[in-house]
C-alpha atoms as a PDB file:
ATOM      1  CA  MET A   1     -21.865  -6.013  -3.487  1.00  0.00           C
ATOM      2  CA  SER A   2     -22.886  -9.917  -4.375  1.00  0.00           C
ATOM      3  CA  ALA A   3     -21.273 -12.584  -2.613  1.00  0.00           C
ATOM      4  CA  SER A   4     -19.703 -13.620  -6.028  1.00  0.00           C
ATOM      5  CA  ASP A   5     -17.179 -10.452  -5.960  1.00  0.00           C
ATOM      6  CA  TRP A   6     -16.322 -10.977  -2.058  1.00  0.00           C
ATOM      7  CA  TYR A   7     -14.740 -14.015  -2.701  1.00  0.00           C
ATOM      8  CA  ALA A   8     -12.240 -16.046  -4.055  1.00  0.00           C
ATOM      9  CA  HIS A   9     -11.389 -19.335  -4.764  1.00  0.00           C
ATOM     10  CA  LYS A  10      -8.650 -21.181  -5.489  1.00  0.00           C
ATOM     11  CA  SER A  11      -8.522 -25.193  -5.958  1.00  0.00           C
ATOM     12  CA  LEU A  12      -6.468 -27.247  -4.863  1.00  0.00           C
ATOM     13  CA  GLY A  13      -7.592 -31.692  -5.464  1.00  0.00           C
ATOM     14  CA  ASP A  14      -8.800 -34.182  -4.107  1.00  0.00           C
ATOM     15  CA  GLY A  15     -12.775 -32.265  -3.746  1.00  0.00           C
ATOM     16  CA  ILE A  16     -10.831 -29.207  -1.448  1.00  0.00           C
ATOM     17  CA  TYR A  17     -11.532 -25.180  -2.148  1.00  0.00           C
ATOM     18  CA  TRP A  18      -9.768 -22.591  -0.179  1.00  0.00           C
ATOM     19  CA  ILE A  19     -11.753 -19.516   0.190  1.00  0.00           C
ATOM     20  CA  GLN A  20     -10.888 -15.562   1.369  1.00  0.00           C
ATOM     21  CA  GLU A  21     -12.598 -12.935   1.959  1.00  0.00           C
ATOM     22  CA  LYS A  22     -10.723 -10.468  -1.198  1.00  0.00           C
ATOM     23  CA  PHE A  23     -12.586  -7.293   0.640  1.00  0.00           C
ATOM     24  CA  PHE A  24     -10.848  -7.994   3.801  1.00  0.00           C
ATOM     25  CA  ASP A  25      -7.216  -6.874   4.019  1.00  0.00           C
ATOM     26  CA  SER A  26      -5.658  -7.775   7.609  1.00  0.00           C
ATOM     27  CA  SER A  27      -3.523 -10.178   9.113  1.00  0.00           C
ATOM     28  CA  ASN A  28      -7.208 -11.480  10.679  1.00  0.00           C
ATOM     29  CA  ARG A  29      -8.194 -12.526   7.439  1.00  0.00           C
ATOM     30  CA  ALA A  30      -9.315 -15.818   8.121  1.00  0.00           C
ATOM     31  CA  ASN A  31      -9.017 -19.152   5.491  1.00  0.00           C
ATOM     32  CA  ILE A  32     -12.039 -21.250   4.918  1.00  0.00           C
ATOM     33  CA  TRP A  33     -11.704 -24.642   3.988  1.00  0.00           C
ATOM     34  CA  LEU A  34     -14.903 -26.506   1.788  1.00  0.00           C
ATOM     35  CA  LEU A  35     -14.534 -30.728   2.229  1.00  0.00           C
ATOM     36  CA  ARG A  36     -15.933 -32.230  -0.679  1.00  0.00           C
ATOM     37  CA  GLY A  37     -17.282 -35.494   0.081  1.00  0.00           C
ATOM     38  CA  SER A  38     -19.166 -38.896  -0.783  1.00  0.00           C
ATOM     39  CA  HIS A  39     -21.448 -38.366   1.967  1.00  0.00           C
ATOM     40  CA  GLN A  40     -21.652 -34.621   3.208  1.00  0.00           C
ATOM     41  CA  ASP A  41     -19.909 -31.819   2.165  1.00  0.00           C
ATOM     42  CA  VAL A  42     -17.736 -29.766   4.710  1.00  0.00           C
ATOM     43  CA  VAL A  43     -16.904 -25.735   5.647  1.00  0.00           C
ATOM     44  CA  ILE A  44     -14.370 -25.405   7.941  1.00  0.00           C
ATOM     45  CA  ASP A  45     -14.988 -21.799   9.355  1.00  0.00           C
ATOM     46  CA  THR A  46     -16.753 -19.213   8.035  1.00  0.00           C
ATOM     47  CA  GLY A  47     -14.935 -15.944   7.688  1.00  0.00           C
ATOM     48  CA  LEU A  48     -17.029 -12.637   9.207  1.00  0.00           C
ATOM     49  CA  GLY A  49     -20.255 -12.976   7.365  1.00  0.00           C
ATOM     50  CA  LEU A  50     -20.405  -9.986   5.763  1.00  0.00           C
ATOM     51  CA  ARG A  51     -21.605 -11.876   2.367  1.00  0.00           C
ATOM     52  CA  SER A  52     -23.208 -15.592   2.060  1.00  0.00           C
ATOM     53  CA  LEU A  53     -21.050 -17.612   1.847  1.00  0.00           C
ATOM     54  CA  PRO A  54     -23.285 -20.870   0.971  1.00  0.00           C
ATOM     55  CA  ASP A  55     -24.252 -18.294  -1.808  1.00  0.00           C
ATOM     56  CA  TYR A  56     -21.039 -18.551  -3.104  1.00  0.00           C
ATOM     57  CA  ILE A  57     -20.251 -21.908  -3.367  1.00  0.00           C
ATOM     58  CA  ASN A  58     -23.742 -22.357  -4.937  1.00  0.00           C
ATOM     59  CA  ALA A  59     -22.555 -20.137  -7.556  1.00  0.00           C
ATOM     60  CA  GLN A  60     -19.424 -21.278  -7.909  1.00  0.00           C
ATOM     61  CA  GLY A  61     -20.137 -24.312  -8.775  1.00  0.00           C
ATOM     62  CA  LEU A  62     -18.080 -26.092  -5.471  1.00  0.00           C
ATOM     63  CA  LEU A  63     -20.516 -28.831  -4.687  1.00  0.00           C
ATOM     64  CA  GLY A  64     -21.049 -30.092  -8.784  1.00  0.00           C
ATOM     65  CA  ASP A  65     -23.537 -30.409 -10.542  1.00  0.00           C
ATOM     66  CA  LEU A  66     -26.047 -32.193  -8.222  1.00  0.00           C
ATOM     67  CA  PRO A  67     -26.023 -30.173  -4.893  1.00  0.00           C
ATOM     68  CA  GLN A  68     -29.730 -31.264  -3.480  1.00  0.00           C
ATOM     69  CA  ARG A  69     -28.798 -35.179  -3.005  1.00  0.00           C
ATOM     70  CA  ARG A  70     -26.251 -34.249   0.066  1.00  0.00           C
ATOM     71  CA  ASN A  71     -26.430 -33.540   3.010  1.00  0.00           C
ATOM     72  CA  PRO A  72     -26.853 -29.781   4.190  1.00  0.00           C
ATOM     73  CA  LEU A  73     -23.727 -28.373   3.983  1.00  0.00           C
ATOM     74  CA  LEU A  74     -22.068 -28.754   7.543  1.00  0.00           C
ATOM     75  CA  ALA A  75     -19.619 -25.883   9.070  1.00  0.00           C
ATOM     76  CA  ILE A  76     -17.813 -26.044  11.986  1.00  0.00           C
ATOM     77  CA  ALA A  77     -15.825 -23.256  13.476  1.00  0.00           C
ATOM     78  CA  THR A  78     -12.492 -24.109  14.434  1.00  0.00           C
ATOM     79  CA  HIS A  79     -13.428 -21.501  17.741  1.00  0.00           C
ATOM     80  CA  ALA A  80     -15.813 -18.515  18.350  1.00  0.00           C
ATOM     81  CA  HIS A  81     -14.039 -15.749  17.053  1.00  0.00           C
ATOM     82  CA  PHE A  82     -14.897 -13.627  15.021  1.00  0.00           C
ATOM     83  CA  ASP A  83     -12.773 -14.184  12.350  1.00  0.00           C
ATOM     84  CA  HIS A  84     -13.732 -17.430  11.817  1.00  0.00           C
ATOM     85  CA  SER A  85     -18.111 -17.667  13.235  1.00  0.00           C
ATOM     86  CA  GLY A  86     -18.934 -14.155  11.897  1.00  0.00           C
ATOM     87  CA  GLY A  87     -20.910 -16.211   8.409  1.00  0.00           C
ATOM     88  CA  LEU A  88     -22.308 -19.411  10.807  1.00  0.00           C
ATOM     89  CA  HIS A  89     -25.467 -17.907  11.293  1.00  0.00           C
ATOM     90  CA  GLN A  90     -25.471 -18.393   6.998  1.00  0.00           C
ATOM     91  CA  PHE A  91     -25.766 -22.821   7.685  1.00  0.00           C
ATOM     92  CA  GLN A  92     -28.614 -25.587   8.440  1.00  0.00           C
ATOM     93  CA  GLN A  93     -25.832 -27.450  10.383  1.00  0.00           C
ATOM     94  CA  VAL A  94     -23.143 -25.693  12.637  1.00  0.00           C
ATOM     95  CA  GLY A  95     -20.881 -27.207  15.154  1.00  0.00           C
ATOM     96  CA  VAL A  96     -17.842 -26.388  17.543  1.00  0.00           C
ATOM     97  CA  HIS A  97     -16.935 -27.387  20.539  1.00  0.00           C
ATOM     98  CA  ARG A  98     -19.185 -27.752  23.995  1.00  0.00           C
ATOM     99  CA  ALA A  99     -16.822 -25.112  25.390  1.00  0.00           C
ATOM    100  CA  GLU A 100     -17.831 -22.356  23.072  1.00  0.00           C
ATOM    101  CA  VAL A 101     -21.681 -23.187  22.704  1.00  0.00           C
ATOM    102  CA  ASP A 102     -23.096 -20.604  24.098  1.00  0.00           C
ATOM    103  CA  ALA A 103     -20.757 -17.903  22.996  1.00  0.00           C
ATOM    104  CA  LEU A 104     -22.249 -18.484  19.443  1.00  0.00           C
ATOM    105  CA  VAL A 105     -26.012 -18.941  21.537  1.00  0.00           C
ATOM    106  CA  ASN A 106     -25.567 -15.488  23.230  1.00  0.00           C
ATOM    107  CA  GLY A 107     -23.989 -13.950  20.106  1.00  0.00           C
ATOM    108  CA  ASP A 108     -20.959 -12.961  22.661  1.00  0.00           C
ATOM    109  CA  ASN A 109     -18.981 -10.706  20.748  1.00  0.00           C
ATOM    110  CA  TRP A 110     -16.704 -10.306  24.041  1.00  0.00           C
ATOM    111  CA  GLU A 111     -15.935 -14.187  23.618  1.00  0.00           C
ATOM    112  CA  THR A 112     -15.814 -13.977  20.711  1.00  0.00           C
ATOM    113  CA  VAL A 113     -12.681 -11.116  20.287  1.00  0.00           C
ATOM    114  CA  THR A 114     -15.182  -9.235  17.550  1.00  0.00           C
ATOM    115  CA  TRP A 115     -12.448  -6.245  16.587  1.00  0.00           C
ATOM    116  CA  LEU A 116     -12.679  -4.771  13.397  1.00  0.00           C
ATOM    117  CA  SER A 117     -12.085  -1.412  11.621  1.00  0.00           C
ATOM    118  CA  ASP A 118     -12.563   0.130   8.565  1.00  0.00           C
ATOM    119  CA  ARG A 119      -9.675   0.182   7.627  1.00  0.00           C
ATOM    120  CA  GLU A 120      -9.369  -3.308   7.153  1.00  0.00           C
ATOM    121  CA  ILE A 121     -12.378  -2.920   4.613  1.00  0.00           C
ATOM    122  CA  VAL A 122     -10.803  -1.912   1.305  1.00  0.00           C
ATOM    123  CA  GLN A 123     -14.348  -2.267  -0.533  1.00  0.00           C
ATOM    124  CA  ALA A 124     -17.369  -1.443   1.894  1.00  0.00           C
ATOM    125  CA  PRO A 125     -19.624  -4.904   1.014  1.00  0.00           C
ATOM    126  CA  CYS A 126     -22.917  -2.353   0.874  1.00  0.00           C
ATOM    127  CA  PRO A 127     -23.100   1.161   1.052  1.00  0.00           C
ATOM    128  CA  GLY A 128     -22.819   3.079   4.441  1.00  0.00           C
ATOM    129  CA  TRP A 129     -21.773   0.049   6.564  1.00  0.00           C
ATOM    130  CA  ARG A 130     -19.320   0.874   9.047  1.00  0.00           C
ATOM    131  CA  ALA A 131     -17.222  -1.749  10.880  1.00  0.00           C
ATOM    132  CA  ARG A 132     -19.106  -0.153  14.537  1.00  0.00           C
ATOM    133  CA  GLN A 133     -21.863  -1.356  12.944  1.00  0.00           C
ATOM    134  CA  TYR A 134     -20.286  -5.428  13.249  1.00  0.00           C
ATOM    135  CA  ARG A 135     -21.154  -8.498  15.769  1.00  0.00           C
ATOM    136  CA  VAL A 136     -20.755 -11.769  15.485  1.00  0.00           C
ATOM    137  CA  LYS A 137     -24.852 -13.241  14.661  1.00  0.00           C
ATOM    138  CA  ALA A 138     -26.469 -15.378  17.706  1.00  0.00           C
ATOM    139  CA  VAL A 139     -26.481 -19.481  15.879  1.00  0.00           C
ATOM    140  CA  GLN A 140     -27.437 -22.498  17.370  1.00  0.00           C
ATOM    141  CA  PRO A 141     -25.154 -25.339  17.455  1.00  0.00           C
ATOM    142  CA  THR A 142     -26.549 -28.769  15.366  1.00  0.00           C
ATOM    143  CA  HIS A 143     -23.378 -30.344  16.445  1.00  0.00           C
ATOM    144  CA  ILE A 144     -21.563 -29.628  19.852  1.00  0.00           C
ATOM    145  CA  LEU A 145     -18.409 -31.401  19.329  1.00  0.00           C
ATOM    146  CA  GLN A 146     -16.119 -32.934  21.875  1.00  0.00           C
ATOM    147  CA  GLU A 147     -12.843 -34.925  21.688  1.00  0.00           C
ATOM    148  CA  GLY A 148     -12.613 -37.631  19.399  1.00  0.00           C
ATOM    149  CA  ASP A 149     -15.913 -37.225  17.879  1.00  0.00           C
ATOM    150  CA  ILE A 150     -15.568 -38.378  14.113  1.00  0.00           C
ATOM    151  CA  ILE A 151     -16.862 -35.737  11.054  1.00  0.00           C
ATOM    152  CA  ASN A 152     -17.886 -39.103   8.260  1.00  0.00           C
ATOM    153  CA  LEU A 153     -17.700 -36.840   4.736  1.00  0.00           C
ATOM    154  CA  GLY A 154     -18.031 -40.585   3.449  1.00  0.00           C
ATOM    155  CA  ASP A 155     -14.854 -40.651   1.390  1.00  0.00           C
ATOM    156  CA  ARG A 156     -13.706 -38.878   4.422  1.00  0.00           C
ATOM    157  CA  GLN A 157     -13.014 -38.558   8.018  1.00  0.00           C
ATOM    158  CA  LEU A 158     -12.534 -35.619  10.023  1.00  0.00           C
ATOM    159  CA  THR A 159     -11.529 -36.498  13.886  1.00  0.00           C
ATOM    160  CA  VAL A 160     -11.773 -33.597  16.386  1.00  0.00           C
ATOM    161  CA  LEU A 161      -8.852 -32.435  18.434  1.00  0.00           C
ATOM    162  CA  HIS A 162      -9.342 -30.801  21.022  1.00  0.00           C
ATOM    163  CA  MET A 163      -6.595 -28.147  21.650  1.00  0.00           C
ATOM    164  CA  PRO A 164      -6.734 -25.949  23.758  1.00  0.00           C
ATOM    165  CA  GLY A 165      -4.545 -22.582  24.693  1.00  0.00           C
ATOM    166  CA  HIS A 166      -5.496 -19.617  22.053  1.00  0.00           C
ATOM    167  CA  SER A 167      -9.087 -20.200  23.348  1.00  0.00           C
ATOM    168  CA  ARG A 168     -10.624 -22.670  25.716  1.00  0.00           C
ATOM    169  CA  GLY A 169     -12.348 -23.793  22.666  1.00  0.00           C
ATOM    170  CA  SER A 170      -9.706 -24.052  19.541  1.00  0.00           C
ATOM    171  CA  ILE A 171     -10.055 -27.533  17.967  1.00  0.00           C
ATOM    172  CA  CYS A 172      -8.159 -28.930  15.273  1.00  0.00           C
ATOM    173  CA  LEU A 173      -9.642 -31.068  12.817  1.00  0.00           C
ATOM    174  CA  HIS A 174      -7.451 -34.183  11.158  1.00  0.00           C
ATOM    175  CA  ASP A 175      -7.588 -35.834   8.388  1.00  0.00           C
ATOM    176  CA  GLY A 176      -5.896 -39.493   8.850  1.00  0.00           C
ATOM    177  CA  ASP A 177      -5.526 -41.344   6.486  1.00  0.00           C
ATOM    178  CA  ASN A 178      -4.562 -38.370   4.010  1.00  0.00           C
ATOM    179  CA  LYS A 179      -2.762 -36.863   6.987  1.00  0.00           C
ATOM    180  CA  MET A 180      -4.093 -34.110   6.765  1.00  0.00           C
ATOM    181  CA  LEU A 181      -4.565 -31.414   9.751  1.00  0.00           C
ATOM    182  CA  PHE A 182      -6.458 -28.182   9.623  1.00  0.00           C
ATOM    183  CA  SER A 183      -5.559 -26.472  12.579  1.00  0.00           C
ATOM    184  CA  GLY A 184      -7.697 -23.320  12.622  1.00  0.00           C
ATOM    185  CA  ASP A 185      -5.576 -20.969  15.067  1.00  0.00           C
ATOM    186  CA  VAL A 186      -3.462 -23.645  17.219  1.00  0.00           C
ATOM    187  CA  VAL A 187      -1.038 -23.109  14.424  1.00  0.00           C
ATOM    188  CA  TYR A 188      -0.310 -21.206  11.810  1.00  0.00           C
ATOM    189  CA  ASP A 189       2.891 -19.809  10.137  1.00  0.00           C
ATOM    190  CA  GLY A 190       2.789 -16.482  12.129  1.00  0.00           C
ATOM    191  CA  ASP A 191       2.960 -15.002  15.678  1.00  0.00           C
ATOM    192  CA  MET A 192       0.520 -17.134  17.725  1.00  0.00           C
ATOM    193  CA  ILE A 193      -1.457 -15.348  20.223  1.00  0.00           C
ATOM    194  CA  ASP A 194      -1.954 -16.604  23.511  1.00  0.00           C
ATOM    195  CA  TRP A 195      -3.731 -13.234  25.098  1.00  0.00           C
ATOM    196  CA  LEU A 196      -7.149 -12.817  24.042  1.00  0.00           C
ATOM    197  CA  PRO A 197      -9.745 -13.173  27.087  1.00  0.00           C
ATOM    198  CA  THR A 198     -10.022 -16.774  27.198  1.00  0.00           C
ATOM    199  CA  SER A 199      -6.520 -17.921  26.461  1.00  0.00           C
ATOM    200  CA  GLN A 200      -4.199 -19.764  28.155  1.00  0.00           C
ATOM    201  CA  VAL A 201      -1.097 -20.963  27.901  1.00  0.00           C
ATOM    202  CA  SER A 202      -0.345 -23.968  29.503  1.00  0.00           C
ATOM    203  CA  ASP A 203      -3.053 -25.094  27.513  1.00  0.00           C
ATOM    204  CA  TYR A 204      -1.107 -23.827  24.845  1.00  0.00           C
ATOM    205  CA  VAL A 205       2.031 -25.671  25.799  1.00  0.00           C
ATOM    206  CA  SER A 206       0.069 -28.799  25.884  1.00  0.00           C
ATOM    207  CA  SER A 207      -1.127 -28.919  22.485  1.00  0.00           C
ATOM    208  CA  CYS A 208       1.944 -27.885  20.784  1.00  0.00           C
ATOM    209  CA  GLU A 209       3.302 -30.647  22.024  1.00  0.00           C
ATOM    210  CA  ARG A 210       0.571 -32.987  20.905  1.00  0.00           C
ATOM    211  CA  LEU A 211       1.294 -31.354  17.580  1.00  0.00           C
ATOM    212  CA  LEU A 212       5.093 -32.866  18.530  1.00  0.00           C
ATOM    213  CA  GLY A 213       3.314 -36.391  19.177  1.00  0.00           C
ATOM    214  CA  LEU A 214       1.692 -36.327  15.530  1.00  0.00           C
ATOM    215  CA  VAL A 215       4.154 -34.624  13.792  1.00  0.00           C
ATOM    216  CA  ASP A 216       6.584 -37.322  15.349  1.00  0.00           C
ATOM    217  CA  SER A 217       4.415 -40.024  15.057  1.00  0.00           C
ATOM    218  CA  GLU A 218       4.308 -39.409  11.302  1.00  0.00           C
ATOM    219  CA  GLN A 219       0.129 -38.464  10.936  1.00  0.00           C
ATOM    220  CA  VAL A 220       0.518 -35.421   9.397  1.00  0.00           C
ATOM    221  CA  ASP A 221       1.608 -34.490   6.301  1.00  0.00           C
ATOM    222  CA  GLN A 222       0.227 -31.109   5.719  1.00  0.00           C
ATOM    223  CA  VAL A 223      -1.640 -28.358   7.311  1.00  0.00           C
ATOM    224  CA  MET A 224      -3.694 -26.257   6.817  1.00  0.00           C
ATOM    225  CA  PRO A 225      -4.099 -23.400   8.731  1.00  0.00           C
ATOM    226  CA  GLY A 226      -6.318 -20.640  10.560  1.00  0.00           C
ATOM    227  CA  HIS A 227      -4.395 -17.783   8.731  1.00  0.00           C
ATOM    228  CA  TYR A 228      -1.971 -17.431   6.140  1.00  0.00           C
ATOM    229  CA  HIS A 229      -0.204 -20.434   3.668  1.00  0.00           C
ATOM    230  CA  THR A 230      -0.458 -24.154   3.833  1.00  0.00           C
ATOM    231  CA  PHE A 231       2.953 -25.391   4.942  1.00  0.00           C
ATOM    232  CA  GLY A 232       4.367 -28.884   5.806  1.00  0.00           C
ATOM    233  CA  ALA A 233       5.340 -31.347   9.174  1.00  0.00           C
ATOM    234  CA  LYS A 234       9.046 -30.028   9.311  1.00  0.00           C
ATOM    235  CA  GLN A 235       7.938 -26.135   9.447  1.00  0.00           C
ATOM    236  CA  LEU A 236       5.032 -27.686  12.232  1.00  0.00           C
ATOM    237  CA  HIS A 237       7.281 -29.195  14.456  1.00  0.00           C
ATOM    238  CA  ARG A 238       9.397 -25.601  14.213  1.00  0.00           C
ATOM    239  CA  ILE A 239       6.505 -23.592  14.836  1.00  0.00           C
ATOM    240  CA  ALA A 240       5.339 -25.832  18.055  1.00  0.00           C
ATOM    241  CA  THR A 241       9.007 -26.143  19.355  1.00  0.00           C
ATOM    242  CA  GLY A 242       9.192 -22.481  19.455  1.00  0.00           C
ATOM    243  CA  TYR A 243       6.639 -21.565  20.782  1.00  0.00           C
ATOM    244  CA  ILE A 244       6.689 -24.205  24.033  1.00  0.00           C
ATOM    245  CA  HIS A 245      10.740 -22.389  24.083  1.00  0.00           C
ATOM    246  CA  ARG A 246       9.073 -19.693  24.278  1.00  0.00           C
ATOM    247  CA  ALA A 247       6.676 -19.977  26.643  1.00  0.00           C
ATOM    248  CA  GLY A 248       7.979 -20.044  29.609  1.00  0.00           C
ATOM    249  CA  THR A 249      10.433 -17.057  29.651  1.00  0.00           C
ATOM    250  CA  CYS A 250      10.126 -14.783  31.997  1.00  0.00           C
ATOM    251  CA  PRO A 251       9.700 -11.910  29.389  1.00  0.00           C
ATOM    252  CA  ALA A 252       6.854 -13.791  27.506  1.00  0.00           C
ATOM    253  CA  ARG A 253       4.965 -14.442  30.910  1.00  0.00           C
ATOM    254  CA  PHE A 254       5.139 -10.978  31.117  1.00  0.00           C
ATOM    255  CA  SER A 255       3.927  -9.968  28.220  1.00  0.00           C
ATOM    256  CA  THR A 256       1.630 -11.894  27.931  1.00  0.00           C
ATOM    257  CA  PHE A 257      -0.061 -10.814  31.035  1.00  0.00           C
ATOM    258  CA  THR A 258      -0.047  -7.359  30.319  1.00  0.00           C
ATOM    259  CA  TRP A 259      -1.627  -7.758  26.526  1.00  0.00           C
ATOM    260  CA  LYS A 260      -4.838 -10.003  27.899  1.00  0.00           C
ATOM    261  CA  THR A 261      -5.495  -7.517  30.442  1.00  0.00           C
ATOM    262  CA  LEU A 262      -4.939  -5.112  28.173  1.00  0.00           C
ATOM    263  CA  VAL A 263      -7.150  -6.642  25.859  1.00  0.00           C
ATOM    264  CA  GLY A 264      -9.817  -7.486  28.068  1.00  0.00           C
ATOM    265  CA  LEU A 265     -10.764  -3.924  28.616  1.00  0.00           C
ATOM    266  CA  ALA A 266     -11.501  -2.696  25.449  1.00  0.00           C
ATOM    267  CA  LEU A 267     -13.090  -6.222  24.264  1.00  0.00           C
ATOM    268  CA  ARG A 268     -15.226  -5.230  26.826  1.00  0.00           C
ATOM    269  CA  ALA A 269     -15.515  -0.875  26.147  1.00  0.00           C
ATOM    270  CA  SER A 270     -15.600  -1.505  22.275  1.00  0.00           C
ATOM    271  CA  ASN A 271     -18.311  -4.336  22.796  1.00  0.00           C
ATOM    272  CA  THR A 272     -20.651  -2.752  25.085  1.00  0.00           C
ATOM    273  CA  SER A 273     -20.966   0.436  22.987  1.00  0.00           C
ATOM    274  CA  ARG A 274     -21.844  -1.230  20.233  1.00  0.00           C
ATOM    275  CA  VAL A 275     -24.940  -0.642  18.313  1.00  0.00           C
ATOM    276  CA  CYS A 276     -25.747  -3.024  16.208  1.00  0.00           C
END
């Protein structure tokens, strides 16, 4: 299967494209965002990496008529989990928060929580492909990100906001001028996951409180999340408030502890047994 078959995209205007993997039918299917800038183009999250994302972007002409005049495309992972970082190895320039650099360099498929099943891939990317063969490939980041870093696209600037909780290196990218938040898995309109091996509920609560601050100070109008559909500031406030209220309850704490233990054991067993 070609890259052109594997991916699909939608233009949201103002140089922003929403890309998805058509044949990855799962709640784990991550949104891939392409932002064009006058100086630098950026991909935010890269999906599984089963087919070449750069090839698709070039074949569809998403970088315009003269992409060779631009700096190499920069791929930024909002965090290291497999559904967001699997395609990073396809890019010359790669950015991730410093807390998750080692996971990518070492190809640590426990920390990338690599967990993929055949039933989630509704059409195999190539004959004989099986999910048990899948691993996130090791990659050396060229941009080690931390709180407050500015990604300069020329006519657009993205500020790195370190928002741990879902994972220790989770970030949002904030376009302050346009009041847009590329949130990764820090927040999306679905059940927020705080029971993975490097998740931390107390950090997640603090990150959600910070999200509320962005809404209250009118710094966010639109959220471009890591999963599902985009939403506005009012929904962001509702989601963040709901998580904070639930996180402190005894049933939530017990459930998180139980799931975290079970998932950690399952991931260790799965990724020890994978052959390639």
